[in-house]
Protein backbone atom coordinates (compact mmCIF):
# COMPACT_ATOMS: atom_id res chain seq x y z
CA UNK A 1 -32.91 13.17 -41.94
CA UNK A 2 -31.96 16.83 -41.59
CA UNK A 3 -33.55 16.86 -38.15
CA UNK A 4 -31.51 13.80 -37.14
CA UNK A 5 -28.28 15.42 -38.41
CA UNK A 6 -29.17 18.63 -36.56
CA UNK A 7 -29.71 16.70 -33.32
CA UNK A 8 -26.42 14.83 -33.83
CA UNK A 9 -24.43 18.05 -34.23
CA UNK A 10 -26.27 19.59 -31.28
CA UNK A 11 -25.21 16.59 -29.15
CA UNK A 12 -21.61 17.00 -30.34
CA UNK A 13 -21.77 20.67 -29.42
CA UNK A 14 -23.13 19.87 -25.95
CA UNK A 15 -20.44 17.22 -25.48
CA UNK A 16 -17.64 19.70 -26.18
CA UNK A 17 -19.26 22.33 -23.95
CA UNK A 18 -19.43 19.80 -21.09
CA UNK A 19 -15.85 18.70 -21.78
CA UNK A 20 -14.70 22.34 -21.73
CA UNK A 21 -16.54 23.04 -18.47
CA UNK A 22 -15.15 19.86 -16.88
CA UNK A 23 -11.56 20.69 -17.86
CA UNK A 24 -12.01 24.26 -16.62
CA UNK A 25 -13.59 23.38 -13.28
CA UNK A 26 -11.37 20.36 -12.63
CA UNK A 27 -8.19 21.72 -14.22
CA UNK A 28 -6.12 21.39 -11.04
CA UNK A 29 -7.38 17.85 -10.42
CA UNK A 30 -6.60 16.81 -14.00
CA UNK A 31 -3.09 18.32 -13.97
CA UNK A 32 -2.41 16.80 -10.54
CA UNK A 33 -3.54 13.39 -11.81
CA UNK A 34 -1.24 13.71 -14.82
CA UNK A 35 1.72 14.65 -12.60
CA UNK A 36 1.05 11.70 -10.31
CA UNK A 37 0.64 9.32 -13.23
CA UNK A 38 3.91 10.46 -14.80
CA UNK A 39 5.73 10.22 -11.46
CA UNK A 40 4.40 6.76 -10.71
CA UNK A 41 4.99 5.48 -14.24
CA UNK A 42 8.55 6.80 -14.12
CA UNK A 43 9.22 4.65 -11.06
CA UNK A 44 7.42 1.60 -12.47
CA UNK A 45 9.25 1.94 -15.79
CA UNK A 46 12.69 2.20 -14.17
CA UNK A 47 12.13 -0.55 -11.61
CA UNK A 48 14.01 -3.79 -12.26
CA UNK A 49 12.57 -7.27 -11.74
CA UNK A 50 13.78 -8.68 -8.43
CA UNK A 51 14.98 -11.82 -10.28
CA UNK A 52 17.27 -9.61 -12.38
CA UNK A 53 18.72 -7.89 -9.31
CA UNK A 54 19.32 -11.28 -7.65
CA UNK A 55 21.35 -12.39 -10.68
CA UNK A 56 23.32 -9.14 -10.84
CA UNK A 57 26.87 -9.62 -9.57
CA UNK A 58 27.09 -5.87 -8.87
CA UNK A 59 24.19 -5.98 -6.38
CA UNK A 60 25.47 -6.34 -2.82
CA UNK A 61 24.79 -9.32 -0.58
CA UNK A 62 22.89 -7.09 1.88
CA UNK A 63 20.50 -5.99 -0.86
CA UNK A 64 19.91 -9.56 -2.00
CA UNK A 65 19.35 -10.79 1.57
CA UNK A 66 16.74 -8.08 2.20
CA UNK A 67 15.02 -8.82 -1.12
CA UNK A 68 14.73 -12.48 -0.17
CA UNK A 69 13.35 -11.39 3.21
CA UNK A 70 10.63 -9.31 1.50
CA UNK A 71 9.70 -12.32 -0.63
CA UNK A 72 9.33 -14.36 2.60
CA UNK A 73 7.25 -11.63 4.23
CA UNK A 74 4.94 -11.38 1.23
CA UNK A 75 4.42 -15.16 1.10
CA UNK A 76 3.71 -15.27 4.84
CA UNK A 77 1.27 -12.34 4.56
CA UNK A 78 -0.67 -14.09 1.78
CA UNK A 79 -0.63 -17.64 3.17
CA UNK A 80 -0.94 -16.98 6.91
CA UNK A 81 -2.52 -13.53 7.23
CA UNK A 82 -4.95 -13.69 4.32
CA UNK A 83 -3.66 -10.59 2.53
CA UNK A 84 -4.33 -10.23 -1.16
CA UNK A 85 -1.89 -11.84 -3.60
CA UNK A 86 -0.59 -9.48 -6.28
CA UNK A 87 2.43 -8.63 -8.41
CA UNK A 88 3.45 -5.93 -5.93
CA UNK A 89 7.01 -6.06 -4.58
CA UNK A 90 8.32 -8.16 -7.45
CA UNK A 91 10.35 -5.24 -8.81
CA UNK A 92 13.07 -3.05 -7.27
CA UNK A 93 13.59 0.70 -7.68
CA UNK A 94 16.88 2.31 -6.65
CA UNK A 95 16.22 5.73 -5.08
CA UNK A 96 19.96 6.40 -4.76
CA UNK A 97 19.27 7.59 -1.22
CA UNK A 98 16.91 10.36 -2.35
CA UNK A 99 13.28 11.04 -1.40
CA UNK A 100 10.90 10.52 -4.32
CA UNK A 101 7.46 11.29 -2.84
CA UNK A 102 6.37 14.00 -0.41
CA UNK A 103 3.06 14.11 1.45
CA UNK A 104 1.16 17.26 2.38
CA UNK A 105 -1.40 17.41 5.20
CA UNK A 106 -3.18 20.44 6.62
CA UNK A 107 -5.51 21.36 9.48
CA UNK A 108 -7.47 24.32 10.73
CA UNK A 109 -5.41 26.57 12.95
CA UNK A 110 -7.62 26.50 16.05
CA UNK A 111 -9.63 23.36 15.45
CA UNK A 112 -8.53 19.75 15.12
CA UNK A 113 -10.11 19.33 11.72
CA UNK A 114 -8.14 18.02 8.74
CA UNK A 115 -8.21 19.75 5.38
CA UNK A 116 -9.51 17.26 2.79
CA UNK A 117 -9.03 16.80 -0.94
CA UNK A 118 -11.59 14.95 -3.04
CA UNK A 119 -10.62 12.46 -5.75
CA UNK A 120 -12.51 10.07 -8.03
CA UNK A 121 -12.74 6.42 -6.88
CA UNK A 122 -10.93 6.86 -3.52
CA UNK A 123 -13.15 9.76 -2.37
CA UNK A 124 -12.11 12.31 0.27
CA UNK A 125 -8.58 12.06 1.65
CA UNK A 126 -6.71 14.10 4.24
CA UNK A 127 -3.33 13.97 2.52
CA UNK A 128 -1.91 14.66 -0.91
CA UNK A 129 1.24 13.19 -2.43
CA UNK A 130 3.69 14.91 -4.77
CA UNK A 131 6.46 13.41 -6.86
CA UNK A 132 7.61 16.97 -7.63
CA UNK A 133 8.81 18.67 -4.44
CA UNK A 134 8.35 22.23 -5.74
CA UNK A 135 4.69 21.63 -6.61
CA UNK A 136 4.01 20.30 -3.14
CA UNK A 137 5.70 23.31 -1.53
CA UNK A 138 3.68 25.65 -3.75
CA UNK A 139 0.42 24.04 -2.61
CA UNK A 140 1.59 24.17 0.99
CA UNK A 141 2.24 27.92 0.68
CA UNK A 142 -1.30 28.44 -0.63
CA UNK A 143 -2.74 26.63 2.39
CA UNK A 144 -0.51 28.59 4.78
CA UNK A 145 -1.72 31.82 3.17
CA UNK A 146 -5.31 30.73 3.90
CA UNK A 147 -4.45 30.26 7.58
CA UNK A 148 -4.07 26.47 7.79
CA UNK A 149 -1.43 24.57 9.76
CA UNK A 150 0.54 22.34 7.38
CA UNK A 151 2.92 19.40 7.48
CA UNK A 152 4.96 18.57 4.37
CA UNK A 153 7.47 15.74 4.52
CA UNK A 154 8.91 12.84 2.51
CA UNK A 155 7.25 9.44 2.82
CA UNK A 156 8.97 6.08 2.59
CA UNK A 157 6.15 4.00 1.08
CA UNK A 158 2.68 4.10 -0.41
CA UNK A 159 0.11 1.83 -1.98
CA UNK A 160 -1.42 2.46 -5.41
CA UNK A 161 -4.35 0.15 -4.48
CA UNK A 162 -3.76 -2.03 -7.53
CA UNK A 163 -3.46 0.75 -10.13
CA UNK A 164 0.26 0.03 -10.59
CA UNK A 165 2.71 -2.69 -9.62
CA UNK A 166 4.15 -1.30 -6.38
CA UNK A 167 7.94 -1.76 -6.34
CA UNK A 168 10.33 -2.40 -3.48
CA UNK A 169 12.04 0.95 -2.90
CA UNK A 170 15.75 0.82 -2.05
CA UNK A 171 15.19 2.88 1.12
CA UNK A 172 13.03 0.02 2.48
CA UNK A 173 16.22 -1.96 2.90
CA UNK A 174 17.70 0.48 5.43
CA UNK A 175 15.17 -0.73 8.01
CA UNK A 176 15.41 -3.59 10.48
CA UNK A 177 13.76 -6.91 9.59
CA UNK A 178 10.77 -6.20 11.84
CA UNK A 179 10.31 -2.71 10.41
CA UNK A 180 10.43 -4.05 6.85
CA UNK A 181 7.82 -6.69 7.73
CA UNK A 182 5.57 -4.05 9.32
CA UNK A 183 5.91 -1.76 6.29
CA UNK A 184 5.18 -4.44 3.67
CA UNK A 185 2.22 -5.87 5.62
CA UNK A 186 0.86 -2.35 6.23
CA UNK A 187 0.85 -1.56 2.50
CA UNK A 188 -0.49 -5.02 1.55
CA UNK A 189 -3.40 -4.40 3.93
CA UNK A 190 -4.36 -1.32 1.91
CA UNK A 191 -4.38 -3.43 -1.26
CA UNK A 192 -6.56 -6.03 0.50
CA UNK A 193 -9.20 -3.74 2.02
CA UNK A 194 -9.65 -0.03 1.37
CA UNK A 195 -12.86 1.78 2.30
CA UNK A 196 -13.67 4.84 0.20
CA UNK A 197 -13.55 8.22 2.01
CA UNK A 198 -12.43 6.54 5.26
CA UNK A 199 -8.77 7.51 5.56
CA UNK A 200 -8.58 7.21 9.36
CA UNK A 201 -10.14 3.73 9.36
CA UNK A 202 -7.91 2.53 6.50
CA UNK A 203 -4.69 3.81 8.04
CA UNK A 204 -5.50 2.62 11.57
CA UNK A 205 -6.38 -0.82 10.21
CA UNK A 206 -3.16 -1.02 8.17
CA UNK A 207 -1.17 0.11 11.23
CA UNK A 208 -2.82 -2.51 13.48
CA UNK A 209 -2.39 -5.34 10.96
CA UNK A 210 1.13 -4.17 10.11
CA UNK A 211 2.28 -4.29 13.73
CA UNK A 212 0.51 -7.54 14.62
CA UNK A 213 1.39 -9.20 11.32
CA UNK A 214 5.08 -8.29 11.62
CA UNK A 215 5.19 -9.80 15.10
CA UNK A 216 3.57 -12.99 13.82
CA UNK A 217 6.12 -13.18 10.99
CA UNK A 218 9.09 -12.72 13.33
CA UNK A 219 7.71 -15.40 15.67
CA UNK A 220 7.33 -17.75 12.70
CA UNK A 221 10.83 -17.07 11.37
CA UNK A 222 12.89 -16.67 14.55
CA UNK A 223 10.86 -17.90 17.52
CA UNK A 224 9.07 -16.19 20.38
CA UNK A 225 12.19 -15.49 22.46
CA UNK A 226 14.45 -14.35 19.61
CA UNK A 227 16.48 -11.15 19.93
CA UNK A 228 15.08 -9.77 16.67
CA UNK A 229 11.50 -10.17 17.95
CA UNK A 230 12.32 -8.66 21.36
CA UNK A 231 13.97 -5.67 19.68
CA UNK A 232 10.92 -5.19 17.43
CA UNK A 233 8.56 -5.37 20.41
CA UNK A 234 10.63 -2.83 22.37
CA UNK A 235 10.77 -0.43 19.43
CA UNK A 236 7.05 -0.88 18.86
CA UNK A 237 6.27 -0.25 22.52
CA UNK A 238 8.30 2.96 22.39
CA UNK A 239 6.42 4.18 19.33
CA UNK A 240 3.02 3.32 20.79
CA UNK A 241 3.85 5.10 24.06
CA UNK A 242 4.89 8.14 22.02
CA UNK A 243 1.71 7.95 19.93
CA UNK A 244 -0.42 7.59 23.06
CA UNK A 245 1.22 10.67 24.57
CA UNK A 246 0.64 12.71 21.41
CA UNK A 247 -3.00 11.55 21.20
CA UNK A 248 -3.46 12.70 24.79
CA UNK A 249 -1.96 16.02 23.70
CA UNK A 250 -4.43 16.14 20.83
CA UNK A 251 -7.31 15.86 23.31
CA UNK A 252 -5.79 18.63 25.45
CA UNK A 253 -5.54 20.90 22.43
CA UNK A 254 -9.11 20.10 21.44
CA UNK A 255 -10.31 21.11 24.92
CA UNK A 256 -8.31 24.35 24.69
CA UNK A 257 -9.72 25.26 21.27
CA UNK A 258 -13.27 24.79 22.54
CA UNK A 259 -12.66 27.62 25.03
CA UNK A 260 -11.83 30.06 22.21
CA UNK A 261 -14.47 32.46 20.94
CA UNK A 262 -14.72 34.58 17.80
CA UNK A 263 -13.95 37.70 19.85
CA UNK A 264 -10.60 36.40 21.17
CA UNK A 265 -7.51 38.10 19.79
CA UNK A 266 -5.41 36.09 17.32
CA UNK A 267 -2.27 36.81 19.34
CA UNK A 268 -3.87 35.48 22.55
CA UNK A 269 -5.14 32.28 20.90
CA UNK A 270 -1.80 31.59 19.25
CA UNK A 271 0.10 32.20 22.49
CA UNK A 272 -2.11 29.78 24.44
CA UNK A 273 -1.81 27.20 21.65
CA UNK A 274 2.00 27.39 21.57
CA UNK A 275 2.25 27.19 25.36
CA UNK A 276 0.18 24.01 25.42
CA UNK A 277 2.11 22.39 22.55
CA UNK A 278 5.39 23.22 24.30
CA UNK A 279 4.06 21.63 27.51
CA UNK A 280 3.01 18.46 25.62
CA UNK A 281 6.46 18.16 24.02
CA UNK A 282 8.38 18.84 27.23
CA UNK A 283 6.34 16.24 29.15
CA UNK A 284 7.71 13.52 26.84
CA UNK A 285 10.45 13.29 29.49
CA UNK A 286 7.88 11.69 31.81
CA UNK A 287 7.15 8.82 29.39
CA UNK A 288 8.89 5.52 30.10
CA UNK A 289 10.71 4.54 26.88
CA UNK A 290 13.12 1.67 26.31
CA UNK A 291 15.30 4.21 24.49
CA UNK A 292 14.39 7.77 25.52
CA UNK A 293 16.45 9.48 22.81
CA UNK A 294 14.18 8.06 20.11
CA UNK A 295 11.48 10.63 20.93
CA UNK A 296 12.55 13.10 23.64
CA UNK A 297 14.86 15.01 21.27
CA UNK A 298 12.49 15.18 18.30
CA UNK A 299 11.52 18.83 18.72
CA UNK A 300 13.04 22.12 19.75
CA UNK A 301 11.38 25.43 20.67
CA UNK A 302 11.81 26.76 17.14
CA UNK A 303 10.20 23.74 15.50
CA UNK A 304 7.23 22.74 17.61
CA UNK A 305 4.55 20.49 16.00
CA UNK A 306 1.23 21.95 14.88
CA UNK A 307 -2.35 20.70 14.41
CA UNK A 308 -1.53 18.97 11.11
CA UNK A 309 1.22 16.98 12.86
CA UNK A 310 -1.00 16.02 15.83
CA UNK A 311 -3.79 14.85 13.52
CA UNK A 312 -1.36 12.36 12.00
CA UNK A 313 -1.72 10.31 15.19
CA UNK A 314 -5.50 10.38 14.83
CA UNK A 315 -5.07 9.18 11.26
CA UNK A 316 -2.75 6.26 12.06
CA UNK A 317 -3.08 5.40 15.75
CA UNK A 318 -6.32 6.56 17.45
CA UNK A 319 -8.32 3.41 16.59
CA UNK A 320 -5.38 1.04 16.38
CA UNK A 321 -5.37 -0.31 19.94
CA UNK A 322 -9.13 -0.93 19.84
CA UNK A 323 -8.66 -2.85 16.59
CA UNK A 324 -5.89 -4.93 18.17
CA UNK A 325 -8.14 -5.65 21.14
CA UNK A 326 -10.93 -6.84 18.82
CA UNK A 327 -8.44 -8.94 16.88
CA UNK A 328 -7.25 -10.57 20.10
CA UNK A 329 -10.55 -11.07 21.93
CA UNK A 330 -12.98 -11.77 19.10
CA UNK A 331 -10.67 -13.47 16.58
CA UNK A 332 -7.90 -14.93 18.82
CA UNK A 333 -5.21 -13.01 16.88
CA UNK A 334 -6.37 -14.56 13.58
CA UNK A 335 -5.80 -11.71 11.10
CA UNK A 336 -7.21 -13.71 8.19
CA UNK A 337 -10.58 -14.14 9.95
CA UNK A 338 -10.56 -10.51 11.11
CA UNK A 339 -10.06 -9.16 7.59
CA UNK A 340 -12.65 -11.57 6.17
CA UNK A 341 -15.16 -10.28 8.72
CA UNK A 342 -14.38 -6.65 7.87
CA UNK A 343 -14.68 -7.32 4.13
CA UNK A 344 -18.13 -8.81 4.65
CA UNK A 345 -19.13 -5.88 6.85
CA UNK A 346 -18.14 -3.27 4.27
CA UNK A 347 -19.47 -5.19 1.26
CA UNK A 348 -23.03 -5.15 2.66
């Protein structure tokens, strides 16, 4: 009996030692998780049911019209595109025009390699979100001090992959109908299929399905020759031409970095890097856009993009056109069949 009691207390002792070591080693991960949980719960808690907003006389007609549109988009995405049904987008959170989540990405200074964070369940990811701006800036400064390129900016939407009920954010409603459809379908794709430690695949897939799905919705609602669909297509074409140009720039930078050696001076490498980035940005004038001002005035000489910015196009756009091609040629634009095939592929 004494031996059993001794073993029991020894196990308790080991448990607390392991718990102490875990909390020490993973302190930053635990505190980050707590911050994210509090931030997300604060939004979920303060979000109002859409039905309540629709019955609120103080809510404007524009808000109500856009909320009804999102309900239509969600129904279409579930019924026609095969996206997962959920309680997402049944609540509304008023941001009062303010950003509420910022995303940090980072990359090596002379190599197109993303910095990655590792999390339970979702695995390795190349971005990190912050509901507290100051904490995100503090982490960015640490990465800058280590020599990484960084990009820290507000984001308009995210998916919690089923952990919480994702609300409609008030800033969604500032977008055009096509842009709202693309955004909602993009995020619903994440909730339908998300492959662990495969950020680039997940984001490219959501981008491809978001763009194609939004076009299908606008065709269904307004017709193939409608002004709203033509405007969406033109805007989409402009973005994809911009993304293609920046991806080409990414390949140019990659070729440049492969010429660098460990004996090259930092000043020389940085000068060559900045010259090439400036050339990539200036050559945007050669791209044929429907509306040139959308992209040709994005940068100035004092605020040129860096590796972290360029890798964003790898994350969201590098595989997208190939996915669209497969969707068209192998599945005849049938997104439901395409996603079903992918689910089977990744479940094996």
